[in-house]
Amino acid sequence: MKSAKKVEEIENLAQKLQTAGDPSRLKILCYLFDAKRACVSDIASDLGVSIATASHHLQTLAKVGLLESEREGKRICYLIPQGKLVLDLKKFICKYK
């Protein structure tokens, strides 16, 4: 029988993978793997999407722990946290760009 903690870990991983699976979010993740840190307006401009769209996707990724946000005056900037899952995602998704 699986422990409750193991089931919770699997469900958490599934949620992160499902969230990252959106094509726009994959582009954002790969962009941030290269940039290391970027603000919403820069990401939107470089990827050719509206600030509102970029902000929505960034907040969604941050909510599941795939990104961290930092306030810089009036700007919100995002970066990729360090961790095995994130590094594994980079190896898997960014080889297709």
N, C-alpha and C. Protein backbone atom coordinates (compact mmCIF):
# COMPACT_ATOMS: atom_id res chain seq x y z
N MET A 1 0.84 -1.18 0.00
CA MET A 1 0.00 0.00 0.00
C MET A 1 0.89 1.25 0.00
N LYS A 2 0.53 2.22 -0.84
CA LYS A 2 1.31 3.46 -0.95
C LYS A 2 1.03 4.36 0.24
N SER A 3 2.07 5.02 0.68
CA SER A 3 1.88 5.95 1.79
C SER A 3 1.19 7.21 1.28
N ALA A 4 0.53 7.91 2.18
CA ALA A 4 -0.17 9.14 1.81
C ALA A 4 0.81 10.18 1.28
N LYS A 5 2.02 10.21 1.83
CA LYS A 5 3.02 11.18 1.38
C LYS A 5 3.44 10.89 -0.05
N LYS A 6 3.63 9.63 -0.39
CA LYS A 6 4.03 9.24 -1.73
C LYS A 6 2.95 9.62 -2.75
N VAL A 7 1.70 9.37 -2.40
CA VAL A 7 0.58 9.72 -3.28
C VAL A 7 0.54 11.23 -3.48
N GLU A 8 0.75 11.98 -2.42
CA GLU A 8 0.74 13.45 -2.51
C GLU A 8 1.88 13.94 -3.40
N GLU A 9 3.06 13.33 -3.28
CA GLU A 9 4.20 13.70 -4.12
C GLU A 9 3.92 13.44 -5.59
N ILE A 10 3.31 12.31 -5.89
CA ILE A 10 2.98 11.97 -7.27
C ILE A 10 1.94 12.94 -7.83
N GLU A 11 0.94 13.27 -7.04
CA GLU A 11 -0.08 14.22 -7.49
C GLU A 11 0.51 15.60 -7.71
N ASN A 12 1.45 16.02 -6.85
CA ASN A 12 2.11 17.30 -6.99
C ASN A 12 2.94 17.34 -8.27
N LEU A 13 3.68 16.27 -8.54
CA LEU A 13 4.47 16.18 -9.76
C LEU A 13 3.57 16.22 -10.99
N ALA A 14 2.47 15.49 -10.95
CA ALA A 14 1.54 15.49 -12.09
C ALA A 14 0.99 16.89 -12.36
N GLN A 15 0.67 17.62 -11.30
CA GLN A 15 0.16 18.98 -11.46
C GLN A 15 1.22 19.88 -12.09
N LYS A 16 2.46 19.76 -11.66
CA LYS A 16 3.53 20.57 -12.23
C LYS A 16 3.74 20.25 -13.71
N LEU A 17 3.75 18.98 -14.04
CA LEU A 17 3.95 18.58 -15.44
C LEU A 17 2.78 19.02 -16.31
N GLN A 18 1.58 18.91 -15.79
CA GLN A 18 0.40 19.35 -16.54
C GLN A 18 0.45 20.86 -16.78
N THR A 19 0.84 21.61 -15.77
CA THR A 19 0.94 23.06 -15.90
C THR A 19 2.01 23.44 -16.90
N ALA A 20 3.15 22.78 -16.85
CA ALA A 20 4.26 23.09 -17.76
C ALA A 20 3.95 22.65 -19.18
N GLY A 21 3.01 21.76 -19.37
CA GLY A 21 2.73 21.18 -20.68
C GLY A 21 2.10 22.09 -21.71
N ASP A 22 1.64 23.25 -21.33
CA ASP A 22 1.07 24.20 -22.27
C ASP A 22 2.19 24.75 -23.16
N PRO A 23 1.98 24.80 -24.48
CA PRO A 23 3.04 25.28 -25.39
C PRO A 23 3.60 26.67 -25.04
N SER A 24 2.74 27.59 -24.65
CA SER A 24 3.20 28.93 -24.28
C SER A 24 4.07 28.88 -23.02
N ARG A 25 3.69 28.04 -22.09
CA ARG A 25 4.46 27.93 -20.85
C ARG A 25 5.80 27.24 -21.10
N LEU A 26 5.83 26.29 -22.02
CA LEU A 26 7.10 25.66 -22.38
C LEU A 26 8.06 26.70 -22.97
N LYS A 27 7.53 27.56 -23.81
CA LYS A 27 8.37 28.63 -24.39
C LYS A 27 8.92 29.55 -23.30
N ILE A 28 8.06 29.89 -22.36
CA ILE A 28 8.49 30.77 -21.26
C ILE A 28 9.56 30.08 -20.42
N LEU A 29 9.37 28.82 -20.10
CA LEU A 29 10.36 28.10 -19.31
C LEU A 29 11.71 28.05 -20.04
N CYS A 30 11.71 27.72 -21.31
CA CYS A 30 12.96 27.67 -22.07
C CYS A 30 13.60 29.05 -22.14
N TYR A 31 12.79 30.08 -22.31
CA TYR A 31 13.31 31.44 -22.33
C TYR A 31 14.02 31.75 -21.02
N LEU A 32 13.38 31.41 -19.90
CA LEU A 32 13.97 31.70 -18.60
C LEU A 32 15.17 30.81 -18.27
N PHE A 33 15.23 29.61 -18.83
CA PHE A 33 16.42 28.79 -18.64
C PHE A 33 17.62 29.50 -19.25
N ASP A 34 17.42 30.16 -20.39
CA ASP A 34 18.51 30.90 -21.04
C ASP A 34 18.78 32.23 -20.35
N ALA A 35 17.72 32.97 -20.03
CA ALA A 35 17.86 34.32 -19.48
C ALA A 35 18.23 34.31 -18.00
N LYS A 36 17.91 33.25 -17.30
CA LYS A 36 18.12 33.11 -15.85
C LYS A 36 17.11 33.92 -15.03
N ARG A 37 16.81 35.14 -15.47
CA ARG A 37 15.88 36.02 -14.76
C ARG A 37 15.39 37.06 -15.75
N ALA A 38 14.09 37.34 -15.75
CA ALA A 38 13.54 38.35 -16.65
C ALA A 38 12.22 38.87 -16.10
N CYS A 39 11.90 40.11 -16.47
CA CYS A 39 10.65 40.74 -16.04
C CYS A 39 9.56 40.48 -17.07
N VAL A 40 8.32 40.60 -16.61
CA VAL A 40 7.16 40.26 -17.43
C VAL A 40 7.18 40.98 -18.77
N SER A 41 7.43 42.28 -18.77
CA SER A 41 7.39 43.05 -20.02
C SER A 41 8.46 42.58 -21.00
N ASP A 42 9.64 42.21 -20.50
CA ASP A 42 10.70 41.71 -21.37
C ASP A 42 10.34 40.36 -21.97
N ILE A 43 9.78 39.49 -21.15
CA ILE A 43 9.36 38.17 -21.62
C ILE A 43 8.29 38.32 -22.69
N ALA A 44 7.29 39.16 -22.41
CA ALA A 44 6.21 39.38 -23.37
C ALA A 44 6.75 39.90 -24.69
N SER A 45 7.60 40.88 -24.63
CA SER A 45 8.17 41.48 -25.84
C SER A 45 8.99 40.47 -26.63
N ASP A 46 9.87 39.76 -25.95
CA ASP A 46 10.75 38.81 -26.63
C ASP A 46 10.00 37.61 -27.21
N LEU A 47 8.90 37.23 -26.58
CA LEU A 47 8.14 36.08 -27.08
C LEU A 47 6.97 36.49 -27.97
N GLY A 48 6.75 37.79 -28.13
CA GLY A 48 5.69 38.27 -29.02
C GLY A 48 4.28 38.02 -28.52
N VAL A 49 4.09 38.15 -27.20
CA VAL A 49 2.76 38.01 -26.62
C VAL A 49 2.45 39.26 -25.81
N SER A 50 1.20 39.42 -25.44
CA SER A 50 0.82 40.58 -24.63
C SER A 50 1.36 40.42 -23.20
N ILE A 51 1.48 41.53 -22.52
CA ILE A 51 1.92 41.50 -21.13
C ILE A 51 0.92 40.72 -20.29
N ALA A 52 -0.36 40.89 -20.56
CA ALA A 52 -1.39 40.17 -19.80
C ALA A 52 -1.26 38.66 -19.98
N THR A 53 -1.02 38.22 -21.21
CA THR A 53 -0.87 36.79 -21.48
C THR A 53 0.37 36.24 -20.79
N ALA A 54 1.48 36.94 -20.94
CA ALA A 54 2.73 36.51 -20.29
C ALA A 54 2.54 36.45 -18.79
N SER A 55 1.93 37.48 -18.21
CA SER A 55 1.72 37.55 -16.77
C SER A 55 0.88 36.38 -16.28
N HIS A 56 -0.18 36.06 -17.02
CA HIS A 56 -1.05 34.94 -16.65
C HIS A 56 -0.26 33.64 -16.60
N HIS A 57 0.50 33.36 -17.65
CA HIS A 57 1.26 32.11 -17.71
C HIS A 57 2.36 32.08 -16.63
N LEU A 58 3.01 33.20 -16.39
CA LEU A 58 4.05 33.26 -15.38
C LEU A 58 3.48 33.01 -13.98
N GLN A 59 2.34 33.61 -13.69
CA GLN A 59 1.70 33.40 -12.39
C GLN A 59 1.28 31.95 -12.21
N THR A 60 0.80 31.34 -13.28
CA THR A 60 0.39 29.94 -13.22
C THR A 60 1.58 29.04 -12.93
N LEU A 61 2.70 29.29 -13.60
CA LEU A 61 3.91 28.51 -13.36
C LEU A 61 4.44 28.72 -11.95
N ALA A 62 4.36 29.94 -11.46
CA ALA A 62 4.83 30.24 -10.10
C ALA A 62 3.95 29.57 -9.05
N LYS A 63 2.66 29.50 -9.31
CA LYS A 63 1.73 28.93 -8.35
C LYS A 63 2.05 27.46 -8.05
N VAL A 64 2.58 26.72 -9.04
CA VAL A 64 2.91 25.31 -8.81
C VAL A 64 4.39 25.12 -8.45
N GLY A 65 5.13 26.23 -8.31
CA GLY A 65 6.51 26.15 -7.86
C GLY A 65 7.55 25.99 -8.95
N LEU A 66 7.16 26.16 -10.21
CA LEU A 66 8.13 26.05 -11.30
C LEU A 66 8.89 27.35 -11.55
N LEU A 67 8.39 28.45 -10.99
CA LEU A 67 9.06 29.75 -11.08
C LEU A 67 9.00 30.43 -9.73
N GLU A 68 9.90 31.38 -9.53
CA GLU A 68 9.85 32.26 -8.37
C GLU A 68 9.74 33.68 -8.89
N SER A 69 9.05 34.52 -8.16
CA SER A 69 8.91 35.91 -8.58
C SER A 69 9.60 36.83 -7.59
N GLU A 70 10.05 37.98 -8.13
CA GLU A 70 10.68 39.01 -7.32
C GLU A 70 10.15 40.36 -7.79
N ARG A 71 9.84 41.23 -6.85
CA ARG A 71 9.40 42.57 -7.20
C ARG A 71 10.63 43.46 -7.35
N GLU A 72 10.63 44.22 -8.43
CA GLU A 72 11.71 45.17 -8.71
C GLU A 72 11.04 46.52 -8.99
N GLY A 73 10.78 47.28 -7.94
CA GLY A 73 10.00 48.50 -8.09
C GLY A 73 8.58 48.14 -8.48
N LYS A 74 8.13 48.64 -9.63
CA LYS A 74 6.79 48.31 -10.12
C LYS A 74 6.77 47.06 -10.98
N ARG A 75 7.93 46.55 -11.29
CA ARG A 75 8.03 45.39 -12.18
C ARG A 75 8.09 44.09 -11.37
N ILE A 76 7.55 43.03 -11.96
CA ILE A 76 7.65 41.70 -11.39
C ILE A 76 8.57 40.90 -12.32
N CYS A 77 9.59 40.32 -11.73
CA CYS A 77 10.54 39.52 -12.50
C CYS A 77 10.47 38.08 -12.03
N TYR A 78 10.81 37.17 -12.92
CA TYR A 78 10.72 35.74 -12.62
C TYR A 78 12.05 35.06 -12.86
N LEU A 79 12.27 34.01 -12.10
CA LEU A 79 13.45 33.19 -12.28
C LEU A 79 13.09 31.74 -12.00
N ILE A 80 13.94 30.85 -12.47
CA ILE A 80 13.71 29.42 -12.28
C ILE A 80 14.41 29.00 -10.99
N PRO A 81 13.68 28.39 -10.06
CA PRO A 81 14.32 27.92 -8.83
C PRO A 81 15.22 26.72 -9.13
N GLN A 82 16.20 26.53 -8.30
CA GLN A 82 17.09 25.38 -8.48
C GLN A 82 16.42 24.14 -7.89
N GLY A 83 16.65 23.03 -8.53
CA GLY A 83 16.10 21.77 -8.04
C GLY A 83 16.17 20.72 -9.13
N LYS A 84 16.13 19.47 -8.72
CA LYS A 84 16.26 18.37 -9.66
C LYS A 84 15.14 18.36 -10.70
N LEU A 85 13.90 18.55 -10.29
CA LEU A 85 12.80 18.53 -11.24
C LEU A 85 12.98 19.59 -12.31
N VAL A 86 13.36 20.77 -11.91
CA VAL A 86 13.53 21.87 -12.86
C VAL A 86 14.67 21.57 -13.83
N LEU A 87 15.76 21.04 -13.32
CA LEU A 87 16.88 20.70 -14.20
C LEU A 87 16.51 19.57 -15.16
N ASP A 88 15.75 18.60 -14.68
CA ASP A 88 15.28 17.52 -15.55
C ASP A 88 14.35 18.06 -16.63
N LEU A 89 13.48 19.00 -16.27
CA LEU A 89 12.59 19.62 -17.25
C LEU A 89 13.39 20.34 -18.33
N LYS A 90 14.42 21.05 -17.93
CA LYS A 90 15.26 21.77 -18.89
C LYS A 90 15.85 20.81 -19.91
N LYS A 91 16.40 19.71 -19.44
CA LYS A 91 16.98 18.71 -20.35
C LYS A 91 15.94 18.15 -21.30
N PHE A 92 14.73 17.96 -20.81
CA PHE A 92 13.68 17.33 -21.60
C PHE A 92 13.03 18.30 -22.60
N ILE A 93 12.63 19.48 -22.14
CA ILE A 93 11.83 20.35 -23.01
C ILE A 93 12.64 21.27 -23.91
N CYS A 94 13.77 21.74 -23.46
CA CYS A 94 14.48 22.76 -24.21
C CYS A 94 15.31 22.19 -25.34
N LYS A 95 15.42 20.89 -25.43
CA LYS A 95 16.15 20.33 -26.57
C LYS A 95 15.33 20.43 -27.85
N TYR A 96 14.06 20.75 -27.76
CA TYR A 96 13.18 20.84 -28.93
C TYR A 96 13.05 22.25 -29.49
N LYS A 97 13.65 23.24 -28.85
CA LYS A 97 13.45 24.60 -29.33
C LYS A 97 14.29 24.91 -30.55
